[in-house]
Amino acid sequence: MGFVLRALINAATITLAASVVPGLRVDGAAAALLAGVVLGLINALVRPVLVVLTLPLTVLTLGLFLLVLNGICLALTAWVVPGLHVAGFGAAVLGALVISVVSWLLTLFVSDRGRVERYR
């Protein structure tokens, strides 16, 4: 249940980011939902490997390179999902920043089991 709810949150944040960030476009609700699932899988499987491989660069930039990694994950999602279009690296990084912030705010209220909780 938790994965489904997080995929829906990802789909909503991708749709919001597409409406705010120029250069990021989603061709419908089905593409947004598929992008939410694929982004969740990429964040769970690929991103940890990238974080470990780029750890020295991340430490050198005081963690700012993680924004670049988030942009790479979003660009990889757009490469895999038909209907999600990213017009460049800047749009990918800015879109990933919007997705990260909004997703973080929304998941403050959702537990890992998929239940809605209050933030204490």
PDB file of N, CA and C in Angstrom:
ATOM      1  N   MET A   1       0.827  -1.200   0.000  1.00  0.00           N
ATOM      2  CA  MET A   1       0.000   0.000   0.000  1.00  0.00           C
ATOM      3  C   MET A   1       0.866   1.256   0.000  1.00  0.00           C
ATOM      4  N   GLY A   2       1.978   1.220   0.735  1.00  0.00           N
ATOM      5  CA  GLY A   2       2.847   2.377   0.827  1.00  0.00           C
ATOM      6  C   GLY A   2       3.464   2.734  -0.515  1.00  0.00           C
ATOM      7  N   PHE A   3       3.875   1.710  -1.307  1.00  0.00           N
ATOM      8  CA  PHE A   3       4.478   1.977  -2.607  1.00  0.00           C
ATOM      9  C   PHE A   3       3.472   2.601  -3.560  1.00  0.00           C
ATOM     10  N   VAL A   4       2.238   2.123  -3.531  1.00  0.00           N
ATOM     11  CA  VAL A   4       1.199   2.669  -4.408  1.00  0.00           C
ATOM     12  C   VAL A   4       0.930   4.128  -4.063  1.00  0.00           C
ATOM     13  N   LEU A   5       0.846   4.416  -2.772  1.00  0.00           N
ATOM     14  CA  LEU A   5       0.598   5.792  -2.355  1.00  0.00           C
ATOM     15  C   LEU A   5       1.774   6.700  -2.726  1.00  0.00           C
ATOM     16  N   ARG A   6       2.989   6.211  -2.556  1.00  0.00           N
ATOM     17  CA  ARG A   6       4.153   7.015  -2.942  1.00  0.00           C
ATOM     18  C   ARG A   6       4.230   7.210  -4.456  1.00  0.00           C
ATOM     19  N   ALA A   7       3.808   6.206  -5.232  1.00  0.00           N
ATOM     20  CA  ALA A   7       3.774   6.351  -6.695  1.00  0.00           C
ATOM     21  C   ALA A   7       2.748   7.409  -7.095  1.00  0.00           C
ATOM     22  N   LEU A   8       1.612   7.436  -6.410  1.00  0.00           N
ATOM     23  CA  LEU A   8       0.603   8.476  -6.684  1.00  0.00           C
ATOM     24  C   LEU A   8       1.124   9.858  -6.302  1.00  0.00           C
ATOM     25  N   ILE A   9       1.851   9.942  -5.195  1.00  0.00           N
ATOM     26  CA  ILE A   9       2.445  11.218  -4.787  1.00  0.00           C
ATOM     27  C   ILE A   9       3.479  11.658  -5.817  1.00  0.00           C
ATOM     28  N   ASN A  10       4.302  10.717  -6.291  1.00  0.00           N
ATOM     29  CA  ASN A  10       5.283  11.044  -7.327  1.00  0.00           C
ATOM     30  C   ASN A  10       4.601  11.525  -8.598  1.00  0.00           C
ATOM     31  N   ALA A  11       3.508  10.864  -8.986  1.00  0.00           N
ATOM     32  CA  ALA A  11       2.780  11.272 -10.188  1.00  0.00           C
ATOM     33  C   ALA A  11       2.218  12.686 -10.035  1.00  0.00           C
ATOM     34  N   ALA A  12       1.683  12.978  -8.859  1.00  0.00           N
ATOM     35  CA  ALA A  12       1.142  14.325  -8.619  1.00  0.00           C
ATOM     36  C   ALA A  12       2.246  15.380  -8.632  1.00  0.00           C
ATOM     37  N   THR A  13       3.384  15.062  -8.043  1.00  0.00           N
ATOM     38  CA  THR A  13       4.467  16.049  -8.016  1.00  0.00           C
ATOM     39  C   THR A  13       5.099  16.222  -9.394  1.00  0.00           C
ATOM     40  N   ILE A  14       5.142  15.166 -10.198  1.00  0.00           N
ATOM     41  CA  ILE A  14       5.650  15.299 -11.568  1.00  0.00           C
ATOM     42  C   ILE A  14       4.721  16.176 -12.386  1.00  0.00           C
ATOM     43  N   THR A  15       3.418  16.004 -12.210  1.00  0.00           N
ATOM     44  CA  THR A  15       2.453  16.840 -12.918  1.00  0.00           C
ATOM     45  C   THR A  15       2.577  18.296 -12.483  1.00  0.00           C
ATOM     46  N   LEU A  16       2.741  18.520 -11.181  1.00  0.00           N
ATOM     47  CA  LEU A  16       2.924  19.886 -10.688  1.00  0.00           C
ATOM     48  C   LEU A  16       4.209  20.501 -11.224  1.00  0.00           C
ATOM     49  N   ALA A  17       5.282  19.733 -11.214  1.00  0.00           N
ATOM     50  CA  ALA A  17       6.564  20.251 -11.719  1.00  0.00           C
ATOM     51  C   ALA A  17       6.478  20.563 -13.206  1.00  0.00           C
ATOM     52  N   ALA A  18       5.730  19.763 -13.952  1.00  0.00           N
ATOM     53  CA  ALA A  18       5.575  20.013 -15.388  1.00  0.00           C
ATOM     54  C   ALA A  18       4.807  21.303 -15.648  1.00  0.00           C
ATOM     55  N   SER A  19       3.905  21.657 -14.740  1.00  0.00           N
ATOM     56  CA  SER A  19       3.158  22.903 -14.926  1.00  0.00           C
ATOM     57  C   SER A  19       3.956  24.122 -14.479  1.00  0.00           C
ATOM     58  N   VAL A  20       4.970  23.931 -13.656  1.00  0.00           N
ATOM     59  CA  VAL A  20       5.752  25.052 -13.124  1.00  0.00           C
ATOM     60  C   VAL A  20       7.063  25.258 -13.873  1.00  0.00           C
ATOM     61  N   VAL A  21       7.733  24.179 -14.215  1.00  0.00           N
ATOM     62  CA  VAL A  21       9.073  24.255 -14.794  1.00  0.00           C
ATOM     63  C   VAL A  21       8.982  24.279 -16.316  1.00  0.00           C
ATOM     64  N   PRO A  22       9.533  25.330 -16.954  1.00  0.00           N
ATOM     65  CA  PRO A  22       9.571  25.314 -18.414  1.00  0.00           C
ATOM     66  C   PRO A  22      10.577  24.265 -18.889  1.00  0.00           C
ATOM     67  N   GLY A  23      10.197  23.521 -19.907  1.00  0.00           N
ATOM     68  CA  GLY A  23      11.069  22.478 -20.427  1.00  0.00           C
ATOM     69  C   GLY A  23      10.744  21.098 -19.906  1.00  0.00           C
ATOM     70  N   LEU A  24       9.762  21.000 -19.029  1.00  0.00           N
ATOM     71  CA  LEU A  24       9.314  19.710 -18.500  1.00  0.00           C
ATOM     72  C   LEU A  24       7.850  19.549 -18.886  1.00  0.00           C
ATOM     73  N   ARG A  25       7.540  18.426 -19.571  1.00  0.00           N
ATOM     74  CA  ARG A  25       6.175  18.235 -20.078  1.00  0.00           C
ATOM     75  C   ARG A  25       5.725  16.799 -19.861  1.00  0.00           C
ATOM     76  N   VAL A  26       4.463  16.640 -19.466  1.00  0.00           N
ATOM     77  CA  VAL A  26       3.847  15.331 -19.297  1.00  0.00           C
ATOM     78  C   VAL A  26       2.639  15.272 -20.222  1.00  0.00           C
ATOM     79  N   ASP A  27       2.520  14.162 -20.971  1.00  0.00           N
ATOM     80  CA  ASP A  27       1.456  14.023 -21.961  1.00  0.00           C
ATOM     81  C   ASP A  27       0.208  13.318 -21.433  1.00  0.00           C
ATOM     82  N   GLY A  28      -0.149  13.525 -20.179  1.00  0.00           N
ATOM     83  CA  GLY A  28      -1.375  12.937 -19.670  1.00  0.00           C
ATOM     84  C   GLY A  28      -1.185  12.260 -18.331  1.00  0.00           C
ATOM     85  N   ALA A  29      -2.311  11.841 -17.768  1.00  0.00           N
ATOM     86  CA  ALA A  29      -2.304  11.233 -16.438  1.00  0.00           C
ATOM     87  C   ALA A  29      -1.639   9.860 -16.444  1.00  0.00           C
ATOM     88  N   ALA A  30      -1.824   9.099 -17.516  1.00  0.00           N
ATOM     89  CA  ALA A  30      -1.211   7.766 -17.583  1.00  0.00           C
ATOM     90  C   ALA A  30       0.312   7.876 -17.632  1.00  0.00           C
ATOM     91  N   ALA A  31       0.808   8.845 -18.394  1.00  0.00           N
ATOM     92  CA  ALA A  31       2.256   9.052 -18.455  1.00  0.00           C
ATOM     93  C   ALA A  31       2.796   9.526 -17.115  1.00  0.00           C
ATOM     94  N   ALA A  32       2.032  10.368 -16.423  1.00  0.00           N
ATOM     95  CA  ALA A  32       2.462  10.843 -15.102  1.00  0.00           C
ATOM     96  C   ALA A  32       2.488   9.699 -14.098  1.00  0.00           C
ATOM     97  N   LEU A  33       1.490   8.827 -14.147  1.00  0.00           N
ATOM     98  CA  LEU A  33       1.453   7.682 -13.230  1.00  0.00           C
ATOM     99  C   LEU A  33       2.595   6.706 -13.514  1.00  0.00           C
ATOM    100  N   LEU A  34       2.843   6.430 -14.788  1.00  0.00           N
ATOM    101  CA  LEU A  34       3.959   5.561 -15.149  1.00  0.00           C
ATOM    102  C   LEU A  34       5.289   6.194 -14.756  1.00  0.00           C
ATOM    103  N   ALA A  35       5.408   7.503 -14.951  1.00  0.00           N
ATOM    104  CA  ALA A  35       6.631   8.208 -14.549  1.00  0.00           C
ATOM    105  C   ALA A  35       6.813   8.170 -13.037  1.00  0.00           C
ATOM    106  N   GLY A  36       5.723   8.251 -12.286  1.00  0.00           N
ATOM    107  CA  GLY A  36       5.811   8.160 -10.831  1.00  0.00           C
ATOM    108  C   GLY A  36       6.323   6.810 -10.374  1.00  0.00           C
ATOM    109  N   VAL A  37       5.843   5.751 -11.016  1.00  0.00           N
ATOM    110  CA  VAL A  37       6.299   4.400 -10.669  1.00  0.00           C
ATOM    111  C   VAL A  37       7.759   4.207 -11.058  1.00  0.00           C
ATOM    112  N   VAL A  38       8.115   4.627 -12.280  1.00  0.00           N
ATOM    113  CA  VAL A  38       9.495   4.459 -12.750  1.00  0.00           C
ATOM    114  C   VAL A  38      10.452   5.314 -11.926  1.00  0.00           C
ATOM    115  N   LEU A  39      10.064   6.536 -11.584  1.00  0.00           N
ATOM    116  CA  LEU A  39      10.925   7.379 -10.754  1.00  0.00           C
ATOM    117  C   LEU A  39      11.126   6.762  -9.379  1.00  0.00           C
ATOM    118  N   GLY A  40      10.083   6.175  -8.828  1.00  0.00           N
ATOM    119  CA  GLY A  40      10.225   5.487  -7.544  1.00  0.00           C
ATOM    120  C   GLY A  40      11.181   4.315  -7.629  1.00  0.00           C
ATOM    121  N   LEU A  41      11.095   3.551  -8.707  1.00  0.00           N
ATOM    122  CA  LEU A  41      12.009   2.420  -8.887  1.00  0.00           C
ATOM    123  C   LEU A  41      13.443   2.884  -9.116  1.00  0.00           C
ATOM    124  N   ILE A  42      13.614   3.936  -9.901  1.00  0.00           N
ATOM    125  CA  ILE A  42      14.962   4.458 -10.138  1.00  0.00           C
ATOM    126  C   ILE A  42      15.549   5.007  -8.845  1.00  0.00           C
ATOM    127  N   ASN A  43      14.736   5.711  -8.070  1.00  0.00           N
ATOM    128  CA  ASN A  43      15.228   6.229  -6.793  1.00  0.00           C
ATOM    129  C   ASN A  43      15.569   5.116  -5.815  1.00  0.00           C
ATOM    130  N   ALA A  44      14.885   3.978  -5.912  1.00  0.00           N
ATOM    131  CA  ALA A  44      15.140   2.872  -5.002  1.00  0.00           C
ATOM    132  C   ALA A  44      16.303   1.996  -5.452  1.00  0.00           C
ATOM    133  N   LEU A  45      16.514   1.859  -6.749  1.00  0.00           N
ATOM    134  CA  LEU A  45      17.510   0.920  -7.251  1.00  0.00           C
ATOM    135  C   LEU A  45      18.778   1.572  -7.804  1.00  0.00           C
ATOM    136  N   VAL A  46      18.630   2.616  -8.598  1.00  0.00           N
ATOM    137  CA  VAL A  46      19.776   3.215  -9.288  1.00  0.00           C
ATOM    138  C   VAL A  46      20.433   4.317  -8.462  1.00  0.00           C
ATOM    139  N   ARG A  47      19.625   5.156  -7.827  1.00  0.00           N
ATOM    140  CA  ARG A  47      20.158   6.306  -7.106  1.00  0.00           C
ATOM    141  C   ARG A  47      21.137   5.927  -5.989  1.00  0.00           C
ATOM    142  N   PRO A  48      20.897   4.877  -5.197  1.00  0.00           N
ATOM    143  CA  PRO A  48      21.885   4.532  -4.167  1.00  0.00           C
ATOM    144  C   PRO A  48      23.256   4.172  -4.748  1.00  0.00           C
ATOM    145  N   VAL A  49      23.263   3.514  -5.897  1.00  0.00           N
ATOM    146  CA  VAL A  49      24.534   3.183  -6.543  1.00  0.00           C
ATOM    147  C   VAL A  49      25.238   4.464  -7.006  1.00  0.00           C
ATOM    148  N   LEU A  50      24.480   5.380  -7.584  1.00  0.00           N
ATOM    149  CA  LEU A  50      25.066   6.652  -8.023  1.00  0.00           C
ATOM    150  C   LEU A  50      25.586   7.462  -6.840  1.00  0.00           C
ATOM    151  N   VAL A  51      24.874   7.433  -5.725  1.00  0.00           N
ATOM    152  CA  VAL A  51      25.313   8.175  -4.539  1.00  0.00           C
ATOM    153  C   VAL A  51      26.645   7.631  -4.034  1.00  0.00           C
ATOM    154  N   VAL A  52      26.773   6.311  -4.004  1.00  0.00           N
ATOM    155  CA  VAL A  52      28.032   5.719  -3.531  1.00  0.00           C
ATOM    156  C   VAL A  52      29.167   6.014  -4.508  1.00  0.00           C
ATOM    157  N   LEU A  53      28.898   5.924  -5.803  1.00  0.00           N
ATOM    158  CA  LEU A  53      29.948   6.159  -6.791  1.00  0.00           C
ATOM    159  C   LEU A  53      30.433   7.610  -6.816  1.00  0.00           C
ATOM    160  N   THR A  54      29.544   8.532  -6.507  1.00  0.00           N
ATOM    161  CA  THR A  54      29.903   9.951  -6.564  1.00  0.00           C
ATOM    162  C   THR A  54      30.093  10.563  -5.178  1.00  0.00           C
ATOM    163  N   LEU A  55      30.302   9.735  -4.175  1.00  0.00           N
ATOM    164  CA  LEU A  55      30.444  10.232  -2.807  1.00  0.00           C
ATOM    165  C   LEU A  55      31.566  11.264  -2.645  1.00  0.00           C
ATOM    166  N   PRO A  56      32.760  11.059  -3.227  1.00  0.00           N
ATOM    167  CA  PRO A  56      33.792  12.102  -3.073  1.00  0.00           C
ATOM    168  C   PRO A  56      33.372  13.449  -3.659  1.00  0.00           C
ATOM    169  N   LEU A  57      32.717  13.427  -4.808  1.00  0.00           N
ATOM    170  CA  LEU A  57      32.247  14.669  -5.418  1.00  0.00           C
ATOM    171  C   LEU A  57      31.141  15.311  -4.583  1.00  0.00           C
ATOM    172  N   THR A  58      30.295  14.503  -4.000  1.00  0.00           N
ATOM    173  CA  THR A  58      29.232  15.017  -3.137  1.00  0.00           C
ATOM    174  C   THR A  58      29.814  15.669  -1.889  1.00  0.00           C
ATOM    175  N   VAL A  59      30.827  15.044  -1.301  1.00  0.00           N
ATOM    176  CA  VAL A  59      31.469  15.621  -0.120  1.00  0.00           C
ATOM    177  C   VAL A  59      32.190  16.915  -0.496  1.00  0.00           C
ATOM    178  N   LEU A  60      32.848  16.919  -1.647  1.00  0.00           N
ATOM    179  CA  LEU A  60      33.582  18.103  -2.095  1.00  0.00           C
ATOM    180  C   LEU A  60      32.661  19.299  -2.327  1.00  0.00           C
ATOM    181  N   THR A  61      31.450  19.027  -2.815  1.00  0.00           N
ATOM    182  CA  THR A  61      30.496  20.115  -3.080  1.00  0.00           C
ATOM    183  C   THR A  61      29.533  20.351  -1.925  1.00  0.00           C
ATOM    184  N   LEU A  62      29.833  19.747  -0.786  1.00  0.00           N
ATOM    185  CA  LEU A  62      29.012  19.897   0.418  1.00  0.00           C
ATOM    186  C   LEU A  62      27.562  19.462   0.196  1.00  0.00           C
ATOM    187  N   GLY A  63      27.381  18.417  -0.594  1.00  0.00           N
ATOM    188  CA  GLY A  63      26.070  17.846  -0.808  1.00  0.00           C
ATOM    189  C   GLY A  63      25.289  18.417  -1.971  1.00  0.00           C
ATOM    190  N   LEU A  64      25.776  19.458  -2.603  1.00  0.00           N
ATOM    191  CA  LEU A  64      25.028  20.059  -3.707  1.00  0.00           C
ATOM    192  C   LEU A  64      24.990  19.175  -4.944  1.00  0.00           C
ATOM    193  N   PHE A  65      25.939  18.247  -5.050  1.00  0.00           N
ATOM    194  CA  PHE A  65      25.930  17.348  -6.203  1.00  0.00           C
ATOM    195  C   PHE A  65      24.721  16.420  -6.169  1.00  0.00           C
ATOM    196  N   LEU A  66      24.092  16.258  -5.018  1.00  0.00           N
ATOM    197  CA  LEU A  66      22.876  15.444  -4.941  1.00  0.00           C
ATOM    198  C   LEU A  66      21.752  16.036  -5.796  1.00  0.00           C
ATOM    199  N   LEU A  67      21.745  17.361  -5.970  1.00  0.00           N
ATOM    200  CA  LEU A  67      20.767  17.980  -6.871  1.00  0.00           C
ATOM    201  C   LEU A  67      20.999  17.517  -8.303  1.00  0.00           C
ATOM    202  N   VAL A  68      22.268  17.409  -8.684  1.00  0.00           N
ATOM    203  CA  VAL A  68      22.605  16.918 -10.021  1.00  0.00           C
ATOM    204  C   VAL A  68      22.176  15.459 -10.166  1.00  0.00           C
ATOM    205  N   LEU A  69      22.400  14.649  -9.125  1.00  0.00           N
ATOM    206  CA  LEU A  69      21.972  13.250  -9.169  1.00  0.00           C
ATOM    207  C   LEU A  69      20.454  13.135  -9.309  1.00  0.00           C
ATOM    208  N   ASN A  70      19.725  13.993  -8.620  1.00  0.00           N
ATOM    209  CA  ASN A  70      18.263  13.987  -8.756  1.00  0.00           C
ATOM    210  C   ASN A  70      17.855  14.343 -10.179  1.00  0.00           C
ATOM    211  N   GLY A  71      18.547  15.304 -10.779  1.00  0.00           N
ATOM    212  CA  GLY A  71      18.280  15.658 -12.175  1.00  0.00           C
ATOM    213  C   GLY A  71      18.595  14.517 -13.122  1.00  0.00           C
ATOM    214  N   ILE A  72      19.674  13.783 -12.852  1.00  0.00           N
ATOM    215  CA  ILE A  72      20.030  12.624 -13.668  1.00  0.00           C
ATOM    216  C   ILE A  72      18.945  11.551 -13.555  1.00  0.00           C
ATOM    217  N   CYS A  73      18.443  11.330 -12.354  1.00  0.00           N
ATOM    218  CA  CYS A  73      17.374  10.340 -12.164  1.00  0.00           C
ATOM    219  C   CYS A  73      16.106  10.748 -12.897  1.00  0.00           C
ATOM    220  N   LEU A  74      15.774  12.033 -12.886  1.00  0.00           N
ATOM    221  CA  LEU A  74      14.586  12.501 -13.613  1.00  0.00           C
ATOM    222  C   LEU A  74      14.796  12.382 -15.117  1.00  0.00           C
ATOM    223  N   ALA A  75      15.991  12.717 -15.599  1.00  0.00           N
ATOM    224  CA  ALA A  75      16.275  12.577 -17.026  1.00  0.00           C
ATOM    225  C   ALA A  75      16.240  11.114 -17.447  1.00  0.00           C
ATOM    226  N   LEU A  76      16.719  10.216 -16.598  1.00  0.00           N
ATOM    227  CA  LEU A  76      16.657   8.788 -16.882  1.00  0.00           C
ATOM    228  C   LEU A  76      15.206   8.313 -16.924  1.00  0.00           C
ATOM    229  N   THR A  77      14.391   8.840 -16.039  1.00  0.00           N
ATOM    230  CA  THR A  77      12.959   8.517 -16.043  1.00  0.00           C
ATOM    231  C   THR A  77      12.311   8.987 -17.338  1.00  0.00           C
ATOM    232  N   ALA A  78      12.662  10.195 -17.787  1.00  0.00           N
ATOM    233  CA  ALA A  78      12.103  10.716 -19.037  1.00  0.00           C
ATOM    234  C   ALA A  78      12.583   9.908 -20.234  1.00  0.00           C
ATOM    235  N   TRP A  79      13.779   9.348 -20.142  1.00  0.00           N
ATOM    236  CA  TRP A  79      14.294   8.528 -21.233  1.00  0.00           C
ATOM    237  C   TRP A  79      13.530   7.204 -21.328  1.00  0.00           C
ATOM    238  N   VAL A  80      13.112   6.675 -20.171  1.00  0.00           N
ATOM    239  CA  VAL A  80      12.423   5.382 -20.131  1.00  0.00           C
ATOM    240  C   VAL A  80      10.929   5.530 -20.413  1.00  0.00           C
ATOM    241  N   VAL A  81      10.303   6.585 -19.919  1.00  0.00           N
ATOM    242  CA  VAL A  81       8.845   6.725 -19.978  1.00  0.00           C
ATOM    243  C   VAL A  81       8.435   7.548 -21.201  1.00  0.00           C
ATOM    244  N   PRO A  82       7.663   6.947 -22.103  1.00  0.00           N
ATOM    245  CA  PRO A  82       7.117   7.753 -23.196  1.00  0.00           C
ATOM    246  C   PRO A  82       6.023   8.664 -22.648  1.00  0.00           C
ATOM    247  N   GLY A  83       6.062   9.908 -23.042  1.00  0.00           N
ATOM    248  CA  GLY A  83       5.072  10.857 -22.545  1.00  0.00           C
ATOM    249  C   GLY A  83       5.622  11.818 -21.513  1.00  0.00           C
ATOM    250  N   LEU A  84       6.835  11.581 -21.024  1.00  0.00           N
ATOM    251  CA  LEU A  84       7.506  12.518 -20.133  1.00  0.00           C
ATOM    252  C   LEU A  84       8.687  13.080 -20.901  1.00  0.00           C
ATOM    253  N   HIS A  85       8.699  14.399 -21.055  1.00  0.00           N
ATOM    254  CA  HIS A  85       9.721  15.054 -21.873  1.00  0.00           C
ATOM    255  C   HIS A  85      10.476  16.076 -21.040  1.00  0.00           C
ATOM    256  N   VAL A  86      11.795  16.004 -21.090  1.00  0.00           N
ATOM    257  CA  VAL A  86      12.665  16.967 -20.418  1.00  0.00           C
ATOM    258  C   VAL A  86      13.505  17.622 -21.492  1.00  0.00           C
ATOM    259  N   ALA A  87      13.483  18.962 -21.552  1.00  0.00           N
ATOM    260  CA  ALA A  87      14.110  19.699 -22.638  1.00  0.00           C
ATOM    261  C   ALA A  87      15.583  20.009 -22.405  1.00  0.00           C
ATOM    262  N   GLY A  88      16.163  19.563 -21.328  1.00  0.00           N
ATOM    263  CA  GLY A  88      17.581  19.822 -21.107  1.00  0.00           C
ATOM    264  C   GLY A  88      17.963  19.527 -19.675  1.00  0.00           C
ATOM    265  N   PHE A  89      19.261  19.658 -19.424  1.00  0.00           N
ATOM    266  CA  PHE A  89      19.761  19.323 -18.093  1.00  0.00           C
ATOM    267  C   PHE A  89      19.275  20.314 -17.031  1.00  0.00           C
ATOM    268  N   GLY A  90      19.195  21.591 -17.373  1.00  0.00           N
ATOM    269  CA  GLY A  90      18.701  22.588 -16.421  1.00  0.00           C
ATOM    270  C   GLY A  90      17.258  22.341 -16.034  1.00  0.00           C
ATOM    271  N   ALA A  91      16.443  21.982 -17.019  1.00  0.00           N
ATOM    272  CA  ALA A  91      15.044  21.659 -16.727  1.00  0.00           C
ATOM    273  C   ALA A  91      14.948  20.410 -15.864  1.00  0.00           C
ATOM    274  N   ALA A  92      15.846  19.439 -16.090  1.00  0.00           N
ATOM    275  CA  ALA A  92      15.836  18.216 -15.289  1.00  0.00           C
ATOM    276  C   ALA A  92      16.196  18.507 -13.840  1.00  0.00           C
ATOM    277  N   VAL A  93      17.216  19.336 -13.622  1.00  0.00           N
ATOM    278  CA  VAL A  93      17.631  19.655 -12.252  1.00  0.00           C
ATOM    279  C   VAL A  93      16.566  20.488 -11.551  1.00  0.00           C
ATOM    280  N   LEU A  94      16.023  21.488 -12.229  1.00  0.00           N
ATOM    281  CA  LEU A  94      14.984  22.318 -11.619  1.00  0.00           C
ATOM    282  C   LEU A  94      13.711  21.514 -11.365  1.00  0.00           C
ATOM    283  N   GLY A  95      13.338  20.663 -12.308  1.00  0.00           N
ATOM    284  CA  GLY A  95      12.172  19.798 -12.113  1.00  0.00           C
ATOM    285  C   GLY A  95      12.382  18.823 -10.964  1.00  0.00           C
ATOM    286  N   ALA A  96      13.591  18.257 -10.862  1.00  0.00           N
ATOM    287  CA  ALA A  96      13.891  17.340  -9.763  1.00  0.00           C
ATOM    288  C   ALA A  96      13.859  18.066  -8.420  1.00  0.00           C
ATOM    289  N   LEU A  97      14.277  19.320  -8.400  1.00  0.00           N
ATOM    290  CA  LEU A  97      14.222  20.102  -7.168  1.00  0.00           C
ATOM    291  C   LEU A  97      12.776  20.332  -6.735  1.00  0.00           C
ATOM    292  N   VAL A  98      11.929  20.703  -7.675  1.00  0.00           N
ATOM    293  CA  VAL A  98      10.507  20.908  -7.361  1.00  0.00           C
ATOM    294  C   VAL A  98       9.872  19.598  -6.912  1.00  0.00           C
ATOM    295  N   ILE A  99      10.158  18.509  -7.619  1.00  0.00           N
ATOM    296  CA  ILE A  99       9.597  17.204  -7.264  1.00  0.00           C
ATOM    297  C   ILE A  99      10.062  16.788  -5.877  1.00  0.00           C
ATOM    298  N   SER A 100      11.338  16.993  -5.574  1.00  0.00           N
ATOM    299  CA  SER A 100      11.870  16.595  -4.266  1.00  0.00           C
ATOM    300  C   SER A 100      11.218  17.362  -3.131  1.00  0.00           C
ATOM    301  N   VAL A 101      11.092  18.672  -3.282  1.00  0.00           N
ATOM    302  CA  VAL A 101      10.538  19.501  -2.207  1.00  0.00           C
ATOM    303  C   VAL A 101       9.055  19.182  -1.984  1.00  0.00           C
ATOM    304  N   VAL A 102       8.276  19.125  -3.055  1.00  0.00           N
ATOM    305  CA  VAL A 102       6.843  18.863  -2.913  1.00  0.00           C
ATOM    306  C   VAL A 102       6.607  17.440  -2.419  1.00  0.00           C
ATOM    307  N   SER A 103       7.370  16.474  -2.934  1.00  0.00           N
ATOM    308  CA  SER A 103       7.226  15.093  -2.488  1.00  0.00           C
ATOM    309  C   SER A 103       7.599  14.957  -1.017  1.00  0.00           C
ATOM    310  N   TRP A 104       8.634  15.649  -0.594  1.00  0.00           N
ATOM    311  CA  TRP A 104       9.024  15.617   0.820  1.00  0.00           C
ATOM    312  C   TRP A 104       7.916  16.184   1.695  1.00  0.00           C
ATOM    313  N   LEU A 105       7.321  17.297   1.263  1.00  0.00           N
ATOM    314  CA  LEU A 105       6.233  17.891   2.044  1.00  0.00           C
ATOM    315  C   LEU A 105       5.024  16.956   2.124  1.00  0.00           C
ATOM    316  N   LEU A 106       4.699  16.292   1.027  1.00  0.00           N
ATOM    317  CA  LEU A 106       3.537  15.403   1.032  1.00  0.00           C
ATOM    318  C   LEU A 106       3.798  14.124   1.823  1.00  0.00           C
ATOM    319  N   THR A 107       5.011  13.591   1.769  1.00  0.00           N
ATOM    320  CA  THR A 107       5.297  12.350   2.482  1.00  0.00           C
ATOM    321  C   THR A 107       5.553  12.572   3.968  1.00  0.00           C
ATOM    322  N   LEU A 108       5.561  13.811   4.423  1.00  0.00           N
ATOM    323  CA  LEU A 108       5.623  14.056   5.865  1.00  0.00           C
ATOM    324  C   LEU A 108       4.408  13.468   6.574  1.00  0.00           C
ATOM    325  N   PHE A 109       3.306  13.382   5.847  1.00  0.00           N
ATOM    326  CA  PHE A 109       2.049  12.953   6.434  1.00  0.00           C
ATOM    327  C   PHE A 109       1.699  11.501   6.127  1.00  0.00           C
ATOM    328  N   VAL A 110       2.570  10.787   5.425  1.00  0.00           N
ATOM    329  CA  VAL A 110       2.301   9.409   5.048  1.00  0.00           C
ATOM    330  C   VAL A 110       3.402   8.522   5.621  1.00  0.00           C
ATOM    331  N   SER A 111       3.005   7.486   6.342  1.00  0.00           N
ATOM    332  CA  SER A 111       3.990   6.572   6.915  1.00  0.00           C
ATOM    333  C   SER A 111       4.463   5.590   5.848  1.00  0.00           C
ATOM    334  N   ASP A 112       5.436   4.766   6.194  1.00  0.00           N
ATOM    335  CA  ASP A 112       5.937   3.754   5.267  1.00  0.00           C
ATOM    336  C   ASP A 112       4.899   2.677   4.979  1.00  0.00           C
ATOM    337  N   ARG A 113       3.932   2.524   5.851  1.00  0.00           N
ATOM    338  CA  ARG A 113       2.873   1.543   5.647  1.00  0.00           C
ATOM    339  C   ARG A 113       1.723   2.108   4.814  1.00  0.00           C
ATOM    340  N   GLY A 114       1.786   3.375   4.432  1.00  0.00           N
ATOM    341  CA  GLY A 114       0.737   3.977   3.622  1.00  0.00           C
ATOM    342  C   GLY A 114      -0.360   4.639   4.407  1.00  0.00           C
ATOM    343  N   ARG A 115      -0.191   4.759   5.719  1.00  0.00           N
ATOM    344  CA  ARG A 115      -1.216   5.389   6.544  1.00  0.00           C
ATOM    345  C   ARG A 115      -0.924   6.871   6.686  1.00  0.00           C
ATOM    346  N   VAL A 116      -1.975   7.667   6.716  1.00  0.00           N
ATOM    347  CA  VAL A 116      -1.837   9.103   6.917  1.00  0.00           C
ATOM    348  C   VAL A 116      -1.591   9.360   8.399  1.00  0.00           C
ATOM    349  N   GLU A 117      -0.540  10.134   8.693  1.00  0.00           N
ATOM    350  CA  GLU A 117      -0.197  10.435  10.082  1.00  0.00           C
ATOM    351  C   GLU A 117       0.067  11.921  10.222  1.00  0.00           C
ATOM    352  N   ARG A 118       0.002  12.363  11.453  1.00  0.00           N
ATOM    353  CA  ARG A 118       0.330  13.752  11.742  1.00  0.00           C
ATOM    354  C   ARG A 118       1.822  13.858  11.997  1.00  0.00           C
ATOM    355  N   TYR A 119       2.407  14.958  11.572  1.00  0.00           N
ATOM    356  CA  TYR A 119       3.821  15.221  11.823  1.00  0.00           C
ATOM    357  C   TYR A 119       3.969  15.772  13.223  1.00  0.00           C
ATOM    358  N   ARG A 120       4.856  15.197  14.021  1.00  0.00           N
ATOM    359  CA  ARG A 120       5.022  15.656  15.403  1.00  0.00           C
ATOM    360  C   ARG A 120       6.353  16.308  15.600  1.00  0.00           C
TER     361      ARG A 120
END
